[in-house]
Amino acid sequence: MKPKVKIGRVYDETPAQDGMRVLVDRVWPRGMKKESAHLDQWAKQVAPSTQLRTWYAHDPAKFAEFRRRYSAELDEPERAAAFAQLRELAREKPLMLLTATRDLEHSQAAVLAEKLR
């Protein structure tokens, strides 16, 4: 059975029954209080490196290369372990990967969801 993985913005109102809510950003979302996020987990170890994030700058034209570089980063030991934990969570229950990024389709959450499915 395919894992049920969705992506969403951490700033959006909490949808009812969206599964386990995991923030996949390295940096805490600007202006958000921890209590308001309604998170089950913050998996900052699985987020792209600062160097990759800075290079990408959420430019959709760079997304294919970002996906390739980020996938390579996910093979690094610390990120691989964090990704393995996400995979286990996804096998157990529906998973909602959250990010502060406005463009969900071109985000690390989209790459992670694709790899988890």
PDB file of N, CA and C in Angstrom:
ATOM      1  N   MET A   1       0.836  -1.192   0.000  1.00  0.00           N
ATOM      2  CA  MET A   1       0.000   0.000   0.000  1.00  0.00           C
ATOM      3  C   MET A   1       0.880   1.254   0.000  1.00  0.00           C
ATOM      4  N   LYS A   2       0.529   2.193  -0.873  1.00  0.00           N
ATOM      5  CA  LYS A   2       1.269   3.445  -0.992  1.00  0.00           C
ATOM      6  C   LYS A   2       1.052   4.316   0.246  1.00  0.00           C
ATOM      7  N   PRO A   3       2.136   4.914   0.782  1.00  0.00           N
ATOM      8  CA  PRO A   3       1.956   5.835   1.910  1.00  0.00           C
ATOM      9  C   PRO A   3       1.118   7.045   1.492  1.00  0.00           C
ATOM     10  N   LYS A   4       0.299   7.529   2.410  1.00  0.00           N
ATOM     11  CA  LYS A   4      -0.521   8.708   2.166  1.00  0.00           C
ATOM     12  C   LYS A   4       0.266   9.922   2.648  1.00  0.00           C
ATOM     13  N   VAL A   5       0.784  10.684   1.689  1.00  0.00           N
ATOM     14  CA  VAL A   5       1.610  11.847   2.024  1.00  0.00           C
ATOM     15  C   VAL A   5       1.044  13.062   1.306  1.00  0.00           C
ATOM     16  N   LYS A   6       0.795  14.114   2.092  1.00  0.00           N
ATOM     17  CA  LYS A   6       0.309  15.379   1.533  1.00  0.00           C
ATOM     18  C   LYS A   6       1.300  16.467   1.906  1.00  0.00           C
ATOM     19  N   ILE A   7       1.211  17.592   1.198  1.00  0.00           N
ATOM     20  CA  ILE A   7       2.031  18.741   1.559  1.00  0.00           C
ATOM     21  C   ILE A   7       1.119  19.941   1.812  1.00  0.00           C
ATOM     22  N   GLY A   8       1.589  20.855   2.654  1.00  0.00           N
ATOM     23  CA  GLY A   8       0.790  22.033   2.966  1.00  0.00           C
ATOM     24  C   GLY A   8       1.662  23.130   3.551  1.00  0.00           C
ATOM     25  N   ARG A   9       1.055  24.289   3.712  1.00  0.00           N
ATOM     26  CA  ARG A   9       1.755  25.423   4.321  1.00  0.00           C
ATOM     27  C   ARG A   9       1.486  25.421   5.813  1.00  0.00           C
ATOM     28  N   VAL A  10       2.508  25.637   6.581  1.00  0.00           N
ATOM     29  CA  VAL A  10       2.386  25.649   8.029  1.00  0.00           C
ATOM     30  C   VAL A  10       1.508  26.817   8.491  1.00  0.00           C
ATOM     31  N   TYR A  11       1.400  27.868   7.689  1.00  0.00           N
ATOM     32  CA  TYR A  11       0.594  29.042   8.038  1.00  0.00           C
ATOM     33  C   TYR A  11      -0.900  28.820   7.828  1.00  0.00           C
ATOM     34  N   ASP A  12      -1.272  27.815   7.032  1.00  0.00           N
ATOM     35  CA  ASP A  12      -2.687  27.562   6.779  1.00  0.00           C
ATOM     36  C   ASP A  12      -3.360  27.035   8.036  1.00  0.00           C
ATOM     37  N   GLU A  13      -4.657  27.293   8.130  1.00  0.00           N
ATOM     38  CA  GLU A  13      -5.390  26.770   9.279  1.00  0.00           C
ATOM     39  C   GLU A  13      -5.288  25.258   9.308  1.00  0.00           C
ATOM     40  N   THR A  14      -5.286  24.717  10.514  1.00  0.00           N
ATOM     41  CA  THR A  14      -5.137  23.280  10.678  1.00  0.00           C
ATOM     42  C   THR A  14      -6.329  22.539  10.099  1.00  0.00           C
ATOM     43  N   PRO A  15      -6.107  21.760   9.028  1.00  0.00           N
ATOM     44  CA  PRO A  15      -7.208  20.956   8.496  1.00  0.00           C
ATOM     45  C   PRO A  15      -7.519  19.809   9.459  1.00  0.00           C
ATOM     46  N   ALA A  16      -8.772  19.457   9.533  1.00  0.00           N
ATOM     47  CA  ALA A  16      -9.166  18.345  10.395  1.00  0.00           C
ATOM     48  C   ALA A  16      -8.672  17.041   9.787  1.00  0.00           C
ATOM     49  N   GLN A  17      -8.149  16.180  10.618  1.00  0.00           N
ATOM     50  CA  GLN A  17      -7.750  14.831  10.201  1.00  0.00           C
ATOM     51  C   GLN A  17      -6.796  14.791   9.017  1.00  0.00           C
ATOM     52  N   ASP A  18      -5.756  15.610   9.043  1.00  0.00           N
ATOM     53  CA  ASP A  18      -4.805  15.562   7.932  1.00  0.00           C
ATOM     54  C   ASP A  18      -3.625  14.645   8.218  1.00  0.00           C
ATOM     55  N   GLY A  19      -3.660  13.930   9.319  1.00  0.00           N
ATOM     56  CA  GLY A  19      -2.598  12.997   9.649  1.00  0.00           C
ATOM     57  C   GLY A  19      -1.544  13.633  10.538  1.00  0.00           C
ATOM     58  N   MET A  20      -0.402  12.985  10.621  1.00  0.00           N
ATOM     59  CA  MET A  20       0.712  13.480  11.421  1.00  0.00           C
ATOM     60  C   MET A  20       1.312  14.696  10.734  1.00  0.00           C
ATOM     61  N   ARG A  21       1.433  15.801  11.466  1.00  0.00           N
ATOM     62  CA  ARG A  21       1.908  17.067  10.912  1.00  0.00           C
ATOM     63  C   ARG A  21       3.391  17.246  11.216  1.00  0.00           C
ATOM     64  N   VAL A  22       4.206  17.320  10.139  1.00  0.00           N
ATOM     65  CA  VAL A  22       5.663  17.412  10.291  1.00  0.00           C
ATOM     66  C   VAL A  22       6.189  18.617   9.507  1.00  0.00           C
ATOM     67  N   LEU A  23       6.847  19.522  10.207  1.00  0.00           N
ATOM     68  CA  LEU A  23       7.485  20.675   9.564  1.00  0.00           C
ATOM     69  C   LEU A  23       8.822  20.212   8.990  1.00  0.00           C
ATOM     70  N   VAL A  24       9.064  20.490   7.707  1.00  0.00           N
ATOM     71  CA  VAL A  24      10.293  20.032   7.048  1.00  0.00           C
ATOM     72  C   VAL A  24      11.193  21.199   6.627  1.00  0.00           C
ATOM     73  N   ASP A  25      11.091  22.320   7.323  1.00  0.00           N
ATOM     74  CA  ASP A  25      11.953  23.481   7.089  1.00  0.00           C
ATOM     75  C   ASP A  25      13.076  23.481   8.124  1.00  0.00           C
ATOM     76  N   ARG A  26      14.240  23.978   7.745  1.00  0.00           N
ATOM     77  CA  ARG A  26      15.365  24.074   8.688  1.00  0.00           C
ATOM     78  C   ARG A  26      15.161  25.236   9.656  1.00  0.00           C
ATOM     79  N   VAL A  27      14.540  26.310   9.178  1.00  0.00           N
ATOM     80  CA  VAL A  27      14.348  27.525   9.972  1.00  0.00           C
ATOM     81  C   VAL A  27      12.886  27.609  10.405  1.00  0.00           C
ATOM     82  N   TRP A  28      12.658  28.025  11.648  1.00  0.00           N
ATOM     83  CA  TRP A  28      11.292  28.164  12.145  1.00  0.00           C
ATOM     84  C   TRP A  28      10.557  29.237  11.340  1.00  0.00           C
ATOM     85  N   PRO A  29       9.289  29.004  10.967  1.00  0.00           N
ATOM     86  CA  PRO A  29       8.516  29.960  10.161  1.00  0.00           C
ATOM     87  C   PRO A  29       8.389  31.329  10.850  1.00  0.00           C
ATOM     88  N   ARG A  30       8.702  32.359  10.100  1.00  0.00           N
ATOM     89  CA  ARG A  30       8.683  33.724  10.614  1.00  0.00           C
ATOM     90  C   ARG A  30       7.298  34.102  11.139  1.00  0.00           C
ATOM     91  N   GLY A  31       7.286  34.661  12.338  1.00  0.00           N
ATOM     92  CA  GLY A  31       6.053  35.182  12.918  1.00  0.00           C
ATOM     93  C   GLY A  31       5.107  34.131  13.480  1.00  0.00           C
ATOM     94  N   MET A  32       5.485  32.870  13.479  1.00  0.00           N
ATOM     95  CA  MET A  32       4.595  31.811  13.959  1.00  0.00           C
ATOM     96  C   MET A  32       4.997  31.375  15.364  1.00  0.00           C
ATOM     97  N   LYS A  33       4.009  31.316  16.241  1.00  0.00           N
ATOM     98  CA  LYS A  33       4.255  30.812  17.591  1.00  0.00           C
ATOM     99  C   LYS A  33       4.205  29.289  17.545  1.00  0.00           C
ATOM    100  N   LYS A  34       5.038  28.664  18.346  1.00  0.00           N
ATOM    101  CA  LYS A  34       5.112  27.194  18.338  1.00  0.00           C
ATOM    102  C   LYS A  34       3.754  26.560  18.640  1.00  0.00           C
ATOM    103  N   GLU A  35       2.985  27.162  19.529  1.00  0.00           N
ATOM    104  CA  GLU A  35       1.669  26.604  19.876  1.00  0.00           C
ATOM    105  C   GLU A  35       0.696  26.681  18.700  1.00  0.00           C
ATOM    106  N   SER A  36       0.865  27.693  17.846  1.00  0.00           N
ATOM    107  CA  SER A  36      -0.045  27.900  16.718  1.00  0.00           C
ATOM    108  C   SER A  36       0.189  26.930  15.567  1.00  0.00           C
ATOM    109  N   ALA A  37       1.356  26.300  15.552  1.00  0.00           N
ATOM    110  CA  ALA A  37       1.721  25.451  14.421  1.00  0.00           C
ATOM    111  C   ALA A  37       1.020  24.093  14.441  1.00  0.00           C
ATOM    112  N   HIS A  38       0.594  23.646  15.612  1.00  0.00           N
ATOM    113  CA  HIS A  38      -0.076  22.346  15.747  1.00  0.00           C
ATOM    114  C   HIS A  38       0.747  21.230  15.104  1.00  0.00           C
ATOM    115  N   LEU A  39       2.033  21.174  15.454  1.00  0.00           N
ATOM    116  CA  LEU A  39       2.929  20.183  14.865  1.00  0.00           C
ATOM    117  C   LEU A  39       3.038  18.948  15.746  1.00  0.00           C
ATOM    118  N   ASP A  40       3.263  17.824  15.100  1.00  0.00           N
ATOM    119  CA  ASP A  40       3.605  16.603  15.824  1.00  0.00           C
ATOM    120  C   ASP A  40       5.121  16.441  15.870  1.00  0.00           C
ATOM    121  N   GLN A  41       5.803  17.023  14.866  1.00  0.00           N
ATOM    122  CA  GLN A  41       7.248  16.874  14.796  1.00  0.00           C
ATOM    123  C   GLN A  41       7.841  17.993  13.930  1.00  0.00           C
ATOM    124  N   TRP A  42       9.091  18.363  14.241  1.00  0.00           N
ATOM    125  CA  TRP A  42       9.842  19.300  13.417  1.00  0.00           C
ATOM    126  C   TRP A  42      11.074  18.553  12.936  1.00  0.00           C
ATOM    127  N   ALA A  43      11.090  18.178  11.672  1.00  0.00           N
ATOM    128  CA  ALA A  43      12.175  17.374  11.098  1.00  0.00           C
ATOM    129  C   ALA A  43      13.161  18.268  10.348  1.00  0.00           C
ATOM    130  N   LYS A  44      13.824  19.166  11.081  1.00  0.00           N
ATOM    131  CA  LYS A  44      14.730  20.103  10.417  1.00  0.00           C
ATOM    132  C   LYS A  44      15.967  19.413   9.853  1.00  0.00           C
ATOM    133  N   GLN A  45      16.310  18.212  10.337  1.00  0.00           N
ATOM    134  CA  GLN A  45      17.478  17.492   9.829  1.00  0.00           C
ATOM    135  C   GLN A  45      17.286  17.036   8.384  1.00  0.00           C
ATOM    136  N   VAL A  46      16.035  16.938   7.929  1.00  0.00           N
ATOM    137  CA  VAL A  46      15.762  16.473   6.568  1.00  0.00           C
ATOM    138  C   VAL A  46      15.708  17.641   5.568  1.00  0.00           C
ATOM    139  N   ALA A  47      15.763  18.852   6.069  1.00  0.00           N
ATOM    140  CA  ALA A  47      15.667  20.038   5.204  1.00  0.00           C
ATOM    141  C   ALA A  47      16.938  20.211   4.366  1.00  0.00           C
ATOM    142  N   PRO A  48      16.822  20.910   3.233  1.00  0.00           N
ATOM    143  CA  PRO A  48      18.004  21.175   2.405  1.00  0.00           C
ATOM    144  C   PRO A  48      19.022  22.029   3.163  1.00  0.00           C
ATOM    145  N   SER A  49      20.276  21.915   2.776  1.00  0.00           N
ATOM    146  CA  SER A  49      21.331  22.716   3.399  1.00  0.00           C
ATOM    147  C   SER A  49      21.082  24.203   3.149  1.00  0.00           C
ATOM    148  N   THR A  50      21.661  25.025   3.996  1.00  0.00           N
ATOM    149  CA  THR A  50      21.558  26.472   3.827  1.00  0.00           C
ATOM    150  C   THR A  50      22.144  26.878   2.478  1.00  0.00           C
ATOM    151  N   GLN A  51      23.258  26.265   2.109  1.00  0.00           N
ATOM    152  CA  GLN A  51      23.910  26.579   0.827  1.00  0.00           C
ATOM    153  C   GLN A  51      22.968  26.271  -0.343  1.00  0.00           C
ATOM    154  N   LEU A  52      22.301  25.122  -0.315  1.00  0.00           N
ATOM    155  CA  LEU A  52      21.381  24.761  -1.395  1.00  0.00           C
ATOM    156  C   LEU A  52      20.166  25.683  -1.407  1.00  0.00           C
ATOM    157  N   ARG A  53      19.613  25.963  -0.232  1.00  0.00           N
ATOM    158  CA  ARG A  53      18.449  26.861  -0.143  1.00  0.00           C
ATOM    159  C   ARG A  53      18.785  28.235  -0.707  1.00  0.00           C
ATOM    160  N   THR A  54      19.970  28.749  -0.353  1.00  0.00           N
ATOM    161  CA  THR A  54      20.391  30.070  -0.821  1.00  0.00           C
ATOM    162  C   THR A  54      20.557  30.079  -2.337  1.00  0.00           C
ATOM    163  N   TRP A  55      21.188  29.040  -2.866  1.00  0.00           N
ATOM    164  CA  TRP A  55      21.373  28.947  -4.317  1.00  0.00           C
ATOM    165  C   TRP A  55      20.021  28.881  -5.030  1.00  0.00           C
ATOM    166  N   TYR A  56      19.116  28.053  -4.531  1.00  0.00           N
ATOM    167  CA  TYR A  56      17.818  27.837  -5.178  1.00  0.00           C
ATOM    168  C   TYR A  56      16.946  29.091  -5.127  1.00  0.00           C
ATOM    169  N   ALA A  57      16.874  29.720  -3.971  1.00  0.00           N
ATOM    170  CA  ALA A  57      16.090  30.950  -3.773  1.00  0.00           C
ATOM    171  C   ALA A  57      14.653  30.824  -4.289  1.00  0.00           C
ATOM    172  N   HIS A  58      14.121  29.629  -4.246  1.00  0.00           N
ATOM    173  CA  HIS A  58      12.741  29.333  -4.683  1.00  0.00           C
ATOM    174  C   HIS A  58      12.445  29.816  -6.100  1.00  0.00           C
ATOM    175  N   ASP A  59      13.433  29.665  -6.973  1.00  0.00           N
ATOM    176  CA  ASP A  59      13.278  30.021  -8.387  1.00  0.00           C
ATOM    177  C   ASP A  59      12.781  28.782  -9.133  1.00  0.00           C
ATOM    178  N   PRO A  60      11.510  28.774  -9.578  1.00  0.00           N
ATOM    179  CA  PRO A  60      10.956  27.593 -10.260  1.00  0.00           C
ATOM    180  C   PRO A  60      11.793  27.120 -11.449  1.00  0.00           C
ATOM    181  N   ALA A  61      12.518  28.031 -12.095  1.00  0.00           N
ATOM    182  CA  ALA A  61      13.355  27.643 -13.230  1.00  0.00           C
ATOM    183  C   ALA A  61      14.506  26.733 -12.795  1.00  0.00           C
ATOM    184  N   LYS A  62      14.884  26.795 -11.526  1.00  0.00           N
ATOM    185  CA  LYS A  62      15.978  25.976 -10.997  1.00  0.00           C
ATOM    186  C   LYS A  62      15.477  24.702 -10.316  1.00  0.00           C
ATOM    187  N   PHE A  63      14.156  24.458 -10.339  1.00  0.00           N
ATOM    188  CA  PHE A  63      13.602  23.365  -9.538  1.00  0.00           C
ATOM    189  C   PHE A  63      14.142  21.990  -9.911  1.00  0.00           C
ATOM    190  N   ALA A  64      14.294  21.688 -11.185  1.00  0.00           N
ATOM    191  CA  ALA A  64      14.796  20.366 -11.589  1.00  0.00           C
ATOM    192  C   ALA A  64      16.192  20.125 -11.013  1.00  0.00           C
ATOM    193  N   GLU A  65      17.044  21.137 -11.090  1.00  0.00           N
ATOM    194  CA  GLU A  65      18.395  21.005 -10.530  1.00  0.00           C
ATOM    195  C   GLU A  65      18.346  20.968  -9.009  1.00  0.00           C
ATOM    196  N   PHE A  66      17.449  21.754  -8.408  1.00  0.00           N
ATOM    197  CA  PHE A  66      17.274  21.714  -6.952  1.00  0.00           C
ATOM    198  C   PHE A  66      16.879  20.308  -6.517  1.00  0.00           C
ATOM    199  N   ARG A  67      15.910  19.720  -7.217  1.00  0.00           N
ATOM    200  CA  ARG A  67      15.448  18.368  -6.882  1.00  0.00           C
ATOM    201  C   ARG A  67      16.619  17.373  -6.937  1.00  0.00           C
ATOM    202  N   ARG A  68      17.439  17.484  -7.988  1.00  0.00           N
ATOM    203  CA  ARG A  68      18.584  16.585  -8.138  1.00  0.00           C
ATOM    204  C   ARG A  68      19.588  16.772  -6.992  1.00  0.00           C
ATOM    205  N   ARG A  69      19.936  18.015  -6.703  1.00  0.00           N
ATOM    206  CA  ARG A  69      20.917  18.297  -5.637  1.00  0.00           C
ATOM    207  C   ARG A  69      20.367  17.911  -4.260  1.00  0.00           C
ATOM    208  N   TYR A  70      19.094  18.205  -4.035  1.00  0.00           N
ATOM    209  CA  TYR A  70      18.481  17.883  -2.745  1.00  0.00           C
ATOM    210  C   TYR A  70      18.399  16.368  -2.562  1.00  0.00           C
ATOM    211  N   SER A  71      18.066  15.647  -3.608  1.00  0.00           N
ATOM    212  CA  SER A  71      18.030  14.187  -3.535  1.00  0.00           C
ATOM    213  C   SER A  71      19.404  13.636  -3.162  1.00  0.00           C
ATOM    214  N   ALA A  72      20.457  14.242  -3.703  1.00  0.00           N
ATOM    215  CA  ALA A  72      21.822  13.829  -3.358  1.00  0.00           C
ATOM    216  C   ALA A  72      22.110  14.131  -1.887  1.00  0.00           C
ATOM    217  N   GLU A  73      21.650  15.288  -1.408  1.00  0.00           N
ATOM    218  CA  GLU A  73      21.843  15.628   0.010  1.00  0.00           C
ATOM    219  C   GLU A  73      21.123  14.633   0.922  1.00  0.00           C
ATOM    220  N   LEU A  74      19.984  14.122   0.477  1.00  0.00           N
ATOM    221  CA  LEU A  74      19.221  13.175   1.302  1.00  0.00           C
ATOM    222  C   LEU A  74      19.956  11.846   1.498  1.00  0.00           C
ATOM    223  N   ASP A  75      21.039  11.624   0.742  1.00  0.00           N
ATOM    224  CA  ASP A  75      21.862  10.429   0.921  1.00  0.00           C
ATOM    225  C   ASP A  75      22.922  10.622   2.001  1.00  0.00           C
ATOM    226  N   GLU A  76      23.139  11.866   2.440  1.00  0.00           N
ATOM    227  CA  GLU A  76      24.105  12.126   3.512  1.00  0.00           C
ATOM    228  C   GLU A  76      23.585  11.507   4.804  1.00  0.00           C
ATOM    229  N   PRO A  77      24.464  10.958   5.649  1.00  0.00           N
ATOM    230  CA  PRO A  77      24.032  10.182   6.823  1.00  0.00           C
ATOM    231  C   PRO A  77      22.959  10.821   7.707  1.00  0.00           C
ATOM    232  N   GLU A  78      23.148  12.072   8.131  1.00  0.00           N
ATOM    233  CA  GLU A  78      22.173  12.701   9.032  1.00  0.00           C
ATOM    234  C   GLU A  78      20.815  12.862   8.347  1.00  0.00           C
ATOM    235  N   ARG A  79      20.820  13.331   7.106  1.00  0.00           N
ATOM    236  CA  ARG A  79      19.560  13.516   6.380  1.00  0.00           C
ATOM    237  C   ARG A  79      18.935  12.169   6.035  1.00  0.00           C
ATOM    238  N   ALA A  80      19.764  11.186   5.702  1.00  0.00           N
ATOM    239  CA  ALA A  80      19.244   9.854   5.378  1.00  0.00           C
ATOM    240  C   ALA A  80      18.527   9.250   6.582  1.00  0.00           C
ATOM    241  N   ALA A  81      19.080   9.436   7.767  1.00  0.00           N
ATOM    242  CA  ALA A  81      18.444   8.926   8.982  1.00  0.00           C
ATOM    243  C   ALA A  81      17.114   9.635   9.245  1.00  0.00           C
ATOM    244  N   ALA A  82      17.101  10.955   9.056  1.00  0.00           N
ATOM    245  CA  ALA A  82      15.864  11.727   9.254  1.00  0.00           C
ATOM    246  C   ALA A  82      14.819  11.324   8.216  1.00  0.00           C
ATOM    247  N   PHE A  83      15.254  11.095   6.973  1.00  0.00           N
ATOM    248  CA  PHE A  83      14.327  10.671   5.929  1.00  0.00           C
ATOM    249  C   PHE A  83      13.767   9.282   6.233  1.00  0.00           C
ATOM    250  N   ALA A  84      14.606   8.391   6.747  1.00  0.00           N
ATOM    251  CA  ALA A  84      14.150   7.043   7.120  1.00  0.00           C
ATOM    252  C   ALA A  84      13.069   7.123   8.201  1.00  0.00           C
ATOM    253  N   GLN A  85      13.214   8.065   9.132  1.00  0.00           N
ATOM    254  CA  GLN A  85      12.183   8.257  10.163  1.00  0.00           C
ATOM    255  C   GLN A  85      10.873   8.715   9.528  1.00  0.00           C
ATOM    256  N   LEU A  86      10.953   9.636   8.566  1.00  0.00           N
ATOM    257  CA  LEU A  86       9.743  10.086   7.861  1.00  0.00           C
ATOM    258  C   LEU A  86       9.088   8.923   7.128  1.00  0.00           C
ATOM    259  N   ARG A  87       9.899   8.087   6.507  1.00  0.00           N
ATOM    260  CA  ARG A  87       9.373   6.927   5.780  1.00  0.00           C
ATOM    261  C   ARG A  87       8.619   5.992   6.732  1.00  0.00           C
ATOM    262  N   GLU A  88       9.180   5.776   7.921  1.00  0.00           N
ATOM    263  CA  GLU A  88       8.502   4.928   8.916  1.00  0.00           C
ATOM    264  C   GLU A  88       7.169   5.544   9.340  1.00  0.00           C
ATOM    265  N   LEU A  89       7.174   6.853   9.592  1.00  0.00           N
ATOM    266  CA  LEU A  89       5.934   7.546   9.966  1.00  0.00           C
ATOM    267  C   LEU A  89       4.885   7.396   8.862  1.00  0.00           C
ATOM    268  N   ALA A  90       5.312   7.540   7.614  1.00  0.00           N
ATOM    269  CA  ALA A  90       4.389   7.473   6.474  1.00  0.00           C
ATOM    270  C   ALA A  90       3.790   6.075   6.329  1.00  0.00           C
ATOM    271  N   ARG A  91       4.513   5.068   6.755  1.00  0.00           N
ATOM    272  CA  ARG A  91       3.981   3.701   6.693  1.00  0.00           C
ATOM    273  C   ARG A  91       2.916   3.471   7.754  1.00  0.00           C
ATOM    274  N   GLU A  92       3.043   4.187   8.878  1.00  0.00           N
ATOM    275  CA  GLU A  92       2.139   3.993  10.007  1.00  0.00           C
ATOM    276  C   GLU A  92       0.825   4.751   9.876  1.00  0.00           C
ATOM    277  N   LYS A  93       0.900   5.972   9.334  1.00  0.00           N
ATOM    278  CA  LYS A  93      -0.305   6.823   9.286  1.00  0.00           C
ATOM    279  C   LYS A  93      -0.134   7.881   8.208  1.00  0.00           C
ATOM    280  N   PRO A  94      -1.224   8.550   7.834  1.00  0.00           N
ATOM    281  CA  PRO A  94      -1.109   9.641   6.859  1.00  0.00           C
ATOM    282  C   PRO A  94      -0.142  10.713   7.381  1.00  0.00           C
ATOM    283  N   LEU A  95       0.578  11.311   6.459  1.00  0.00           N
ATOM    284  CA  LEU A  95       1.605  12.279   6.816  1.00  0.00           C
ATOM    285  C   LEU A  95       1.344  13.586   6.074  1.00  0.00           C
ATOM    286  N   MET A  96       1.396  14.692   6.797  1.00  0.00           N
ATOM    287  CA  MET A  96       1.262  16.025   6.210  1.00  0.00           C
ATOM    288  C   MET A  96       2.600  16.727   6.391  1.00  0.00           C
ATOM    289  N   LEU A  97       3.321  16.923   5.274  1.00  0.00           N
ATOM    290  CA  LEU A  97       4.602  17.624   5.308  1.00  0.00           C
ATOM    291  C   LEU A  97       4.336  19.113   5.152  1.00  0.00           C
ATOM    292  N   LEU A  98       4.813  19.889   6.107  1.00  0.00           N
ATOM    293  CA  LEU A  98       4.527  21.323   6.127  1.00  0.00           C
ATOM    294  C   LEU A  98       5.777  22.155   5.898  1.00  0.00           C
ATOM    295  N   THR A  99       5.579  23.273   5.216  1.00  0.00           N
ATOM    296  CA  THR A  99       6.653  24.223   4.943  1.00  0.00           C
ATOM    297  C   THR A  99       6.072  25.630   4.984  1.00  0.00           C
ATOM    298  N   ALA A 100       6.947  26.608   5.182  1.00  0.00           N
ATOM    299  CA  ALA A 100       6.506  28.009   5.155  1.00  0.00           C
ATOM    300  C   ALA A 100       6.477  28.546   3.730  1.00  0.00           C
ATOM    301  N   THR A 101       7.065  27.822   2.805  1.00  0.00           N
ATOM    302  CA  THR A 101       7.176  28.250   1.411  1.00  0.00           C
ATOM    303  C   THR A 101       5.804  28.476   0.780  1.00  0.00           C
ATOM    304  N   ARG A 102       5.673  29.544   0.015  1.00  0.00           N
ATOM    305  CA  ARG A 102       4.398  29.833  -0.662  1.00  0.00           C
ATOM    306  C   ARG A 102       4.160  28.888  -1.838  1.00  0.00           C
ATOM    307  N   ASP A 103       5.218  28.579  -2.572  1.00  0.00           N
ATOM    308  CA  ASP A 103       5.107  27.751  -3.776  1.00  0.00           C
ATOM    309  C   ASP A 103       5.339  26.280  -3.408  1.00  0.00           C
ATOM    310  N   LEU A 104       4.275  25.624  -2.972  1.00  0.00           N
ATOM    311  CA  LEU A 104       4.383  24.236  -2.520  1.00  0.00           C
ATOM    312  C   LEU A 104       4.887  23.295  -3.603  1.00  0.00           C
ATOM    313  N   GLU A 105       4.470  23.536  -4.813  1.00  0.00           N
ATOM    314  CA  GLU A 105       4.806  22.668  -5.935  1.00  0.00           C
ATOM    315  C   GLU A 105       6.324  22.631  -6.208  1.00  0.00           C
ATOM    316  N   HIS A 106       7.021  23.704  -5.847  1.00  0.00           N
ATOM    317  CA  HIS A 106       8.464  23.806  -6.088  1.00  0.00           C
ATOM    318  C   HIS A 106       9.222  23.892  -4.765  1.00  0.00           C
ATOM    319  N   SER A 107       8.841  23.076  -3.801  1.00  0.00           N
ATOM    320  CA  SER A 107       9.451  23.123  -2.469  1.00  0.00           C
ATOM    321  C   SER A 107      10.103  21.794  -2.109  1.00  0.00           C
ATOM    322  N   GLN A 108      10.891  21.822  -1.037  1.00  0.00           N
ATOM    323  CA  GLN A 108      11.481  20.578  -0.547  1.00  0.00           C
ATOM    324  C   GLN A 108      10.398  19.613  -0.072  1.00  0.00           C
ATOM    325  N   ALA A 109       9.272  20.140   0.403  1.00  0.00           N
ATOM    326  CA  ALA A 109       8.168  19.273   0.828  1.00  0.00           C
ATOM    327  C   ALA A 109       7.652  18.456  -0.360  1.00  0.00           C
ATOM    328  N   ALA A 110       7.595  19.067  -1.541  1.00  0.00           N
ATOM    329  CA  ALA A 110       7.145  18.353  -2.741  1.00  0.00           C
ATOM    330  C   ALA A 110       8.128  17.245  -3.107  1.00  0.00           C
ATOM    331  N   VAL A 111       9.422  17.532  -2.986  1.00  0.00           N
ATOM    332  CA  VAL A 111      10.449  16.522  -3.288  1.00  0.00           C
ATOM    333  C   VAL A 111      10.348  15.367  -2.297  1.00  0.00           C
ATOM    334  N   LEU A 112      10.216  15.693  -1.017  1.00  0.00           N
ATOM    335  CA  LEU A 112      10.101  14.648  -0.005  1.00  0.00           C
ATOM    336  C   LEU A 112       8.859  13.791  -0.204  1.00  0.00           C
ATOM    337  N   ALA A 113       7.725  14.433  -0.477  1.00  0.00           N
ATOM    338  CA  ALA A 113       6.471  13.697  -0.685  1.00  0.00           C
ATOM    339  C   ALA A 113       6.611  12.738  -1.850  1.00  0.00           C
ATOM    340  N   GLU A 114       7.207  13.217  -2.928  1.00  0.00           N
ATOM    341  CA  GLU A 114       7.419  12.389  -4.121  1.00  0.00           C
ATOM    342  C   GLU A 114       8.277  11.159  -3.779  1.00  0.00           C
ATOM    343  N   LYS A 115       9.343  11.374  -3.012  1.00  0.00           N
ATOM    344  CA  LYS A 115      10.232  10.276  -2.644  1.00  0.00           C
ATOM    345  C   LYS A 115       9.565   9.308  -1.669  1.00  0.00           C
ATOM    346  N   LEU A 116       8.709   9.828  -0.800  1.00  0.00           N
ATOM    347  CA  LEU A 116       8.020   8.967   0.184  1.00  0.00           C
ATOM    348  C   LEU A 116       6.921   8.126  -0.460  1.00  0.00           C
ATOM    349  N   ARG A 117       6.312   8.651  -1.505  1.00  0.00           N
ATOM    350  CA  ARG A 117       5.228   7.923  -2.172  1.00  0.00           C
ATOM    351  C   ARG A 117       5.804   6.787  -2.995  1.00  0.00           C
TER     352      ARG A 117
END
